[in-house]
Amino acid sequence: MRVSVKGVIRSAAGFLLLRNDRAEWELPGGRPEPGETLPVALAREVEEETGLRVTVGRHVDRWDYHIAGRIVTIETFVCHAVAAPVRLSAEHLAVGFVALDELGDLPLPSGYVTSIRRAVAAGLVSGPASPTE
């Protein structure tokens, strides 16, 4: 089973999303390296992809993403940025900050939208969480 860990990060400008080479938007994160816990892997991946140092908070969601004939289990956590600004890595094509009510307008897998909405409903990202812009 393949696992990818993703972070829900909110700033005053909106939720942090990255555009991948499939022309989809996604939450920052990636695959754990052998021996890494999910929170350690997430903090490393977010910093590699965005330059942000984050603290990893509560687990929000788990869902299966079907892609290219395989299944990747997505584990999402709330993250809070402790260092800014965002710096886009070569892994992605663009960075964006998107308001909750605009998520449905993007090519964004529905599981990510559900994870973000669950984080909001749980009160985990209720206001500007970090100086990420």
N, C-alpha and C. Protein backbone atom coordinates (compact mmCIF):
# COMPACT_ATOMS: atom_id res chain seq x y z
N MET A 1 0.85 -1.19 0.00
CA MET A 1 0.00 0.00 0.00
C MET A 1 0.89 1.24 0.00
N ARG A 2 0.58 2.16 -0.87
CA ARG A 2 1.31 3.42 -0.92
C ARG A 2 0.56 4.45 -0.08
N VAL A 3 1.34 5.25 0.65
CA VAL A 3 0.77 6.29 1.51
C VAL A 3 1.40 7.62 1.13
N SER A 4 0.57 8.65 1.13
CA SER A 4 1.05 10.02 0.95
C SER A 4 0.44 10.85 2.06
N VAL A 5 1.24 11.70 2.66
CA VAL A 5 0.78 12.53 3.77
C VAL A 5 0.70 13.97 3.29
N LYS A 6 -0.42 14.64 3.60
CA LYS A 6 -0.70 15.98 3.08
C LYS A 6 -1.10 16.92 4.20
N GLY A 7 -0.78 18.21 4.01
CA GLY A 7 -1.05 19.21 5.03
C GLY A 7 -2.08 20.23 4.62
N VAL A 8 -3.04 20.48 5.51
CA VAL A 8 -4.01 21.56 5.33
C VAL A 8 -3.41 22.78 6.03
N ILE A 9 -3.03 23.78 5.23
CA ILE A 9 -2.39 24.99 5.73
C ILE A 9 -3.22 26.19 5.30
N ARG A 10 -3.62 27.00 6.27
CA ARG A 10 -4.44 28.17 5.96
C ARG A 10 -3.72 29.44 6.37
N SER A 11 -3.83 30.43 5.52
CA SER A 11 -3.32 31.76 5.83
C SER A 11 -4.46 32.75 5.63
N ALA A 12 -4.17 34.01 5.84
CA ALA A 12 -5.19 35.04 5.60
C ALA A 12 -5.65 35.04 4.15
N ALA A 13 -4.80 34.59 3.24
CA ALA A 13 -5.13 34.57 1.81
C ALA A 13 -5.91 33.34 1.39
N GLY A 14 -5.98 32.32 2.22
CA GLY A 14 -6.71 31.10 1.88
C GLY A 14 -5.90 29.85 2.16
N PHE A 15 -6.37 28.75 1.63
CA PHE A 15 -5.71 27.46 1.80
C PHE A 15 -4.60 27.29 0.78
N LEU A 16 -3.46 26.81 1.24
CA LEU A 16 -2.30 26.63 0.38
C LEU A 16 -2.47 25.39 -0.49
N LEU A 17 -2.42 25.58 -1.81
CA LEU A 17 -2.49 24.49 -2.77
C LEU A 17 -1.32 24.60 -3.75
N LEU A 18 -0.92 23.46 -4.29
CA LEU A 18 0.14 23.40 -5.28
C LEU A 18 -0.40 22.74 -6.54
N ARG A 19 0.01 23.26 -7.70
CA ARG A 19 -0.43 22.69 -8.98
C ARG A 19 0.63 21.70 -9.44
N ASN A 20 0.19 20.46 -9.71
CA ASN A 20 1.14 19.42 -10.11
C ASN A 20 1.22 19.27 -11.63
N ASP A 21 2.04 18.33 -12.08
CA ASP A 21 2.24 18.15 -13.52
C ASP A 21 1.06 17.47 -14.21
N ARG A 22 0.04 17.04 -13.47
CA ARG A 22 -1.19 16.52 -14.06
C ARG A 22 -2.23 17.63 -14.22
N ALA A 23 -1.80 18.89 -13.97
CA ALA A 23 -2.67 20.06 -14.05
C ALA A 23 -3.77 20.03 -12.99
N GLU A 24 -3.51 19.35 -11.88
CA GLU A 24 -4.42 19.34 -10.75
C GLU A 24 -3.80 20.14 -9.62
N TRP A 25 -4.65 20.63 -8.74
CA TRP A 25 -4.19 21.25 -7.51
C TRP A 25 -4.19 20.20 -6.42
N GLU A 26 -3.31 20.33 -5.47
CA GLU A 26 -3.22 19.39 -4.36
C GLU A 26 -2.69 20.08 -3.12
N LEU A 27 -2.86 19.42 -2.00
CA LEU A 27 -2.26 19.91 -0.77
C LEU A 27 -0.78 19.57 -0.77
N PRO A 28 0.05 20.36 -0.10
CA PRO A 28 1.48 20.04 -0.04
C PRO A 28 1.71 18.78 0.79
N GLY A 29 2.74 18.04 0.43
CA GLY A 29 3.11 16.83 1.15
C GLY A 29 3.66 15.79 0.20
N GLY A 30 3.80 14.57 0.69
CA GLY A 30 4.34 13.51 -0.14
C GLY A 30 4.50 12.22 0.63
N ARG A 31 5.36 11.36 0.11
CA ARG A 31 5.52 10.03 0.68
C ARG A 31 6.56 10.00 1.80
N PRO A 32 6.25 9.26 2.85
CA PRO A 32 7.23 9.09 3.93
C PRO A 32 8.43 8.26 3.45
N GLU A 33 9.58 8.57 3.98
CA GLU A 33 10.77 7.77 3.75
C GLU A 33 10.77 6.64 4.77
N PRO A 34 11.49 5.55 4.48
CA PRO A 34 11.52 4.43 5.43
C PRO A 34 11.90 4.90 6.84
N GLY A 35 11.10 4.47 7.82
CA GLY A 35 11.37 4.80 9.21
C GLY A 35 10.79 6.11 9.69
N GLU A 36 10.27 6.96 8.79
CA GLU A 36 9.69 8.24 9.19
C GLU A 36 8.26 8.06 9.69
N THR A 37 7.91 8.79 10.73
CA THR A 37 6.51 8.87 11.13
C THR A 37 5.80 9.78 10.14
N LEU A 38 4.48 9.69 10.10
CA LEU A 38 3.73 10.55 9.17
C LEU A 38 3.94 12.03 9.47
N PRO A 39 3.88 12.49 10.74
CA PRO A 39 4.12 13.91 10.99
C PRO A 39 5.51 14.38 10.59
N VAL A 40 6.54 13.57 10.84
CA VAL A 40 7.90 13.96 10.46
C VAL A 40 8.01 14.04 8.94
N ALA A 41 7.43 13.07 8.25
CA ALA A 41 7.46 13.08 6.79
C ALA A 41 6.73 14.30 6.24
N LEU A 42 5.60 14.64 6.83
CA LEU A 42 4.83 15.79 6.36
C LEU A 42 5.61 17.08 6.54
N ALA A 43 6.20 17.28 7.70
CA ALA A 43 6.97 18.51 7.93
C ALA A 43 8.12 18.61 6.93
N ARG A 44 8.80 17.50 6.66
CA ARG A 44 9.91 17.50 5.70
C ARG A 44 9.40 17.82 4.30
N GLU A 45 8.34 17.15 3.88
CA GLU A 45 7.80 17.34 2.53
C GLU A 45 7.29 18.77 2.31
N VAL A 46 6.59 19.32 3.29
CA VAL A 46 6.10 20.70 3.15
C VAL A 46 7.27 21.66 3.00
N GLU A 47 8.31 21.48 3.79
CA GLU A 47 9.47 22.37 3.67
C GLU A 47 10.16 22.20 2.33
N GLU A 48 10.30 20.97 1.85
CA GLU A 48 10.92 20.74 0.54
C GLU A 48 10.12 21.37 -0.58
N GLU A 49 8.79 21.27 -0.52
CA GLU A 49 7.94 21.75 -1.61
C GLU A 49 7.65 23.24 -1.57
N THR A 50 7.66 23.83 -0.36
CA THR A 50 7.21 25.22 -0.25
C THR A 50 8.19 26.14 0.48
N GLY A 51 9.19 25.56 1.14
CA GLY A 51 10.10 26.36 1.94
C GLY A 51 9.55 26.68 3.32
N LEU A 52 8.30 26.32 3.59
CA LEU A 52 7.69 26.61 4.88
C LEU A 52 8.12 25.58 5.92
N ARG A 53 8.49 26.07 7.08
CA ARG A 53 8.65 25.18 8.23
C ARG A 53 7.30 25.16 8.93
N VAL A 54 6.84 23.96 9.27
CA VAL A 54 5.52 23.83 9.88
C VAL A 54 5.57 22.95 11.12
N THR A 55 4.61 23.17 11.99
CA THR A 55 4.32 22.20 13.04
C THR A 55 3.10 21.43 12.55
N VAL A 56 3.13 20.13 12.77
CA VAL A 56 2.05 19.27 12.31
C VAL A 56 1.09 19.05 13.47
N GLY A 57 -0.17 19.35 13.21
CA GLY A 57 -1.20 19.22 14.23
C GLY A 57 -2.00 17.95 14.07
N ARG A 58 -3.29 18.07 14.33
CA ARG A 58 -4.17 16.91 14.36
C ARG A 58 -4.40 16.26 13.01
N HIS A 59 -4.57 14.95 13.05
CA HIS A 59 -4.97 14.18 11.88
C HIS A 59 -6.39 14.57 11.52
N VAL A 60 -6.65 14.79 10.24
CA VAL A 60 -7.96 15.24 9.79
C VAL A 60 -8.73 14.16 9.06
N ASP A 61 -8.04 13.42 8.18
CA ASP A 61 -8.78 12.56 7.27
C ASP A 61 -7.86 11.49 6.69
N ARG A 62 -8.48 10.41 6.22
CA ARG A 62 -7.79 9.36 5.46
C ARG A 62 -8.72 8.97 4.32
N TRP A 63 -8.17 8.93 3.11
CA TRP A 63 -8.99 8.54 1.96
C TRP A 63 -8.10 7.92 0.90
N ASP A 64 -8.70 7.16 0.01
CA ASP A 64 -7.95 6.49 -1.05
C ASP A 64 -8.10 7.26 -2.35
N TYR A 65 -6.96 7.52 -2.98
CA TYR A 65 -6.91 8.21 -4.26
C TYR A 65 -6.55 7.19 -5.32
N HIS A 66 -7.39 7.06 -6.32
CA HIS A 66 -7.16 6.12 -7.42
C HIS A 66 -6.49 6.87 -8.55
N ILE A 67 -5.28 6.45 -8.91
CA ILE A 67 -4.52 7.13 -9.95
C ILE A 67 -3.69 6.11 -10.73
N ALA A 68 -3.81 6.16 -12.04
CA ALA A 68 -3.00 5.34 -12.95
C ALA A 68 -3.03 3.86 -12.55
N GLY A 69 -4.21 3.35 -12.23
CA GLY A 69 -4.35 1.94 -11.92
C GLY A 69 -3.85 1.50 -10.56
N ARG A 70 -3.56 2.44 -9.69
CA ARG A 70 -3.11 2.09 -8.34
C ARG A 70 -3.88 2.94 -7.33
N ILE A 71 -3.75 2.54 -6.08
CA ILE A 71 -4.42 3.26 -4.99
C ILE A 71 -3.35 3.83 -4.07
N VAL A 72 -3.49 5.11 -3.77
CA VAL A 72 -2.62 5.77 -2.80
C VAL A 72 -3.51 6.22 -1.65
N THR A 73 -3.16 5.80 -0.43
CA THR A 73 -3.90 6.25 0.74
C THR A 73 -3.37 7.62 1.15
N ILE A 74 -4.27 8.59 1.20
CA ILE A 74 -3.91 9.96 1.58
C ILE A 74 -4.26 10.17 3.05
N GLU A 75 -3.27 10.61 3.82
CA GLU A 75 -3.46 10.95 5.23
C GLU A 75 -3.28 12.46 5.34
N THR A 76 -4.29 13.16 5.82
CA THR A 76 -4.19 14.62 5.93
C THR A 76 -4.15 15.05 7.39
N PHE A 77 -3.31 16.07 7.63
CA PHE A 77 -3.13 16.67 8.94
C PHE A 77 -3.21 18.18 8.80
N VAL A 78 -3.63 18.85 9.84
CA VAL A 78 -3.55 20.31 9.88
C VAL A 78 -2.10 20.68 10.18
N CYS A 79 -1.60 21.69 9.49
CA CYS A 79 -0.25 22.20 9.73
C CYS A 79 -0.32 23.70 10.00
N HIS A 80 0.60 24.18 10.83
CA HIS A 80 0.69 25.61 11.11
C HIS A 80 2.10 26.06 10.75
N ALA A 81 2.18 27.05 9.89
CA ALA A 81 3.48 27.56 9.45
C ALA A 81 4.16 28.32 10.57
N VAL A 82 5.46 28.08 10.70
CA VAL A 82 6.25 28.82 11.69
C VAL A 82 7.33 29.66 11.02
N ALA A 83 7.46 29.52 9.70
CA ALA A 83 8.41 30.34 8.95
C ALA A 83 7.85 30.57 7.56
N ALA A 84 8.07 31.74 7.03
CA ALA A 84 7.55 32.13 5.72
C ALA A 84 8.65 32.89 4.99
N PRO A 85 8.55 33.19 3.75
CA PRO A 85 7.42 33.07 2.84
C PRO A 85 7.46 31.74 2.06
N VAL A 86 6.43 31.53 1.24
CA VAL A 86 6.36 30.33 0.41
C VAL A 86 7.35 30.46 -0.74
N ARG A 87 8.07 29.38 -0.97
CA ARG A 87 9.01 29.27 -2.09
C ARG A 87 8.65 27.99 -2.84
N LEU A 88 8.27 28.09 -4.07
CA LEU A 88 7.84 26.95 -4.87
C LEU A 88 9.03 26.12 -5.32
N SER A 89 8.96 24.80 -5.12
CA SER A 89 10.02 23.91 -5.58
C SER A 89 9.80 23.53 -7.04
N ALA A 90 10.75 22.83 -7.61
CA ALA A 90 10.66 22.37 -9.00
C ALA A 90 9.64 21.24 -9.16
N GLU A 91 9.14 20.71 -8.04
CA GLU A 91 8.16 19.62 -8.11
C GLU A 91 6.79 20.07 -8.60
N HIS A 92 6.49 21.35 -8.48
CA HIS A 92 5.16 21.86 -8.82
C HIS A 92 5.26 23.03 -9.78
N LEU A 93 4.13 23.30 -10.44
CA LEU A 93 4.08 24.35 -11.46
C LEU A 93 3.64 25.70 -10.91
N ALA A 94 2.86 25.68 -9.83
CA ALA A 94 2.34 26.94 -9.29
C ALA A 94 1.92 26.73 -7.85
N VAL A 95 1.82 27.84 -7.15
CA VAL A 95 1.30 27.86 -5.78
C VAL A 95 0.10 28.79 -5.76
N GLY A 96 -0.89 28.44 -4.96
CA GLY A 96 -2.05 29.30 -4.85
C GLY A 96 -2.63 29.27 -3.46
N PHE A 97 -3.31 30.34 -3.10
CA PHE A 97 -4.05 30.41 -1.85
C PHE A 97 -5.51 30.57 -2.24
N VAL A 98 -6.34 29.63 -1.81
CA VAL A 98 -7.71 29.55 -2.30
C VAL A 98 -8.69 29.60 -1.13
N ALA A 99 -9.72 30.41 -1.30
CA ALA A 99 -10.78 30.51 -0.29
C ALA A 99 -11.61 29.23 -0.28
N LEU A 100 -12.19 28.92 0.86
CA LEU A 100 -12.99 27.71 1.02
C LEU A 100 -14.09 27.62 -0.05
N ASP A 101 -14.77 28.71 -0.31
CA ASP A 101 -15.88 28.68 -1.27
C ASP A 101 -15.42 28.61 -2.73
N GLU A 102 -14.12 28.67 -2.99
CA GLU A 102 -13.59 28.57 -4.36
C GLU A 102 -12.99 27.20 -4.66
N LEU A 103 -12.94 26.31 -3.67
CA LEU A 103 -12.30 25.02 -3.88
C LEU A 103 -12.98 24.20 -4.97
N GLY A 104 -14.30 24.27 -5.04
CA GLY A 104 -15.04 23.50 -6.04
C GLY A 104 -14.84 23.97 -7.46
N ASP A 105 -14.25 25.15 -7.64
CA ASP A 105 -14.03 25.70 -8.97
C ASP A 105 -12.72 25.23 -9.60
N LEU A 106 -11.93 24.47 -8.87
CA LEU A 106 -10.59 24.07 -9.33
C LEU A 106 -10.53 22.60 -9.70
N PRO A 107 -9.58 22.23 -10.58
CA PRO A 107 -9.30 20.81 -10.79
C PRO A 107 -8.55 20.30 -9.55
N LEU A 108 -9.31 19.87 -8.56
CA LEU A 108 -8.80 19.46 -7.26
C LEU A 108 -9.54 18.20 -6.86
N PRO A 109 -8.84 17.09 -6.64
CA PRO A 109 -9.53 15.86 -6.25
C PRO A 109 -10.46 16.09 -5.06
N SER A 110 -11.63 15.49 -5.11
CA SER A 110 -12.65 15.73 -4.10
C SER A 110 -12.20 15.36 -2.69
N GLY A 111 -11.31 14.40 -2.56
CA GLY A 111 -10.82 14.02 -1.24
C GLY A 111 -10.11 15.16 -0.54
N TYR A 112 -9.38 15.98 -1.29
CA TYR A 112 -8.72 17.14 -0.69
C TYR A 112 -9.74 18.16 -0.20
N VAL A 113 -10.78 18.37 -1.00
CA VAL A 113 -11.84 19.30 -0.60
C VAL A 113 -12.49 18.81 0.69
N THR A 114 -12.78 17.51 0.75
CA THR A 114 -13.38 16.93 1.96
C THR A 114 -12.46 17.12 3.16
N SER A 115 -11.18 16.88 2.99
CA SER A 115 -10.22 17.04 4.09
C SER A 115 -10.20 18.48 4.60
N ILE A 116 -10.18 19.43 3.68
CA ILE A 116 -10.17 20.84 4.07
C ILE A 116 -11.45 21.19 4.81
N ARG A 117 -12.59 20.76 4.29
CA ARG A 117 -13.87 21.04 4.93
C ARG A 117 -13.97 20.40 6.32
N ARG A 118 -13.40 19.20 6.48
CA ARG A 118 -13.40 18.56 7.79
C ARG A 118 -12.54 19.34 8.78
N ALA A 119 -11.41 19.85 8.32
CA ALA A 119 -10.55 20.65 9.20
C ALA A 119 -11.28 21.92 9.65
N VAL A 120 -12.01 22.54 8.73
CA VAL A 120 -12.77 23.74 9.07
C VAL A 120 -13.90 23.39 10.04
N ALA A 121 -14.65 22.32 9.74
CA ALA A 121 -15.78 21.93 10.58
C ALA A 121 -15.33 21.58 12.00
N ALA A 122 -14.12 21.04 12.14
CA ALA A 122 -13.59 20.69 13.46
C ALA A 122 -13.01 21.88 14.18
N GLY A 123 -13.00 23.04 13.52
CA GLY A 123 -12.48 24.26 14.14
C GLY A 123 -10.95 24.29 14.20
N LEU A 124 -10.29 23.50 13.37
CA LEU A 124 -8.84 23.41 13.41
C LEU A 124 -8.15 24.49 12.59
N VAL A 125 -8.86 25.13 11.69
CA VAL A 125 -8.29 26.19 10.83
C VAL A 125 -9.26 27.35 10.71
N SER A 126 -9.80 27.80 11.80
CA SER A 126 -10.89 28.79 11.77
C SER A 126 -10.49 30.19 11.36
N GLY A 127 -9.23 30.56 11.52
CA GLY A 127 -8.84 31.92 11.18
C GLY A 127 -7.48 31.94 10.52
N PRO A 128 -6.95 33.11 10.23
CA PRO A 128 -5.61 33.18 9.66
C PRO A 128 -4.64 32.48 10.60
N ALA A 129 -4.05 31.40 10.11
CA ALA A 129 -3.23 30.57 10.97
C ALA A 129 -1.75 30.92 10.91
N SER A 130 -1.35 31.60 9.82
CA SER A 130 0.09 31.78 9.68
C SER A 130 0.41 32.87 8.67
N PRO A 131 1.59 33.43 8.75
CA PRO A 131 2.01 34.47 7.80
C PRO A 131 2.65 33.84 6.56
N THR A 132 1.87 33.08 5.77
CA THR A 132 2.48 32.34 4.68
C THR A 132 2.59 33.11 3.36
N GLU A 133 1.99 34.29 3.25
CA GLU A 133 2.17 34.97 1.98
C GLU A 133 3.37 35.89 2.04
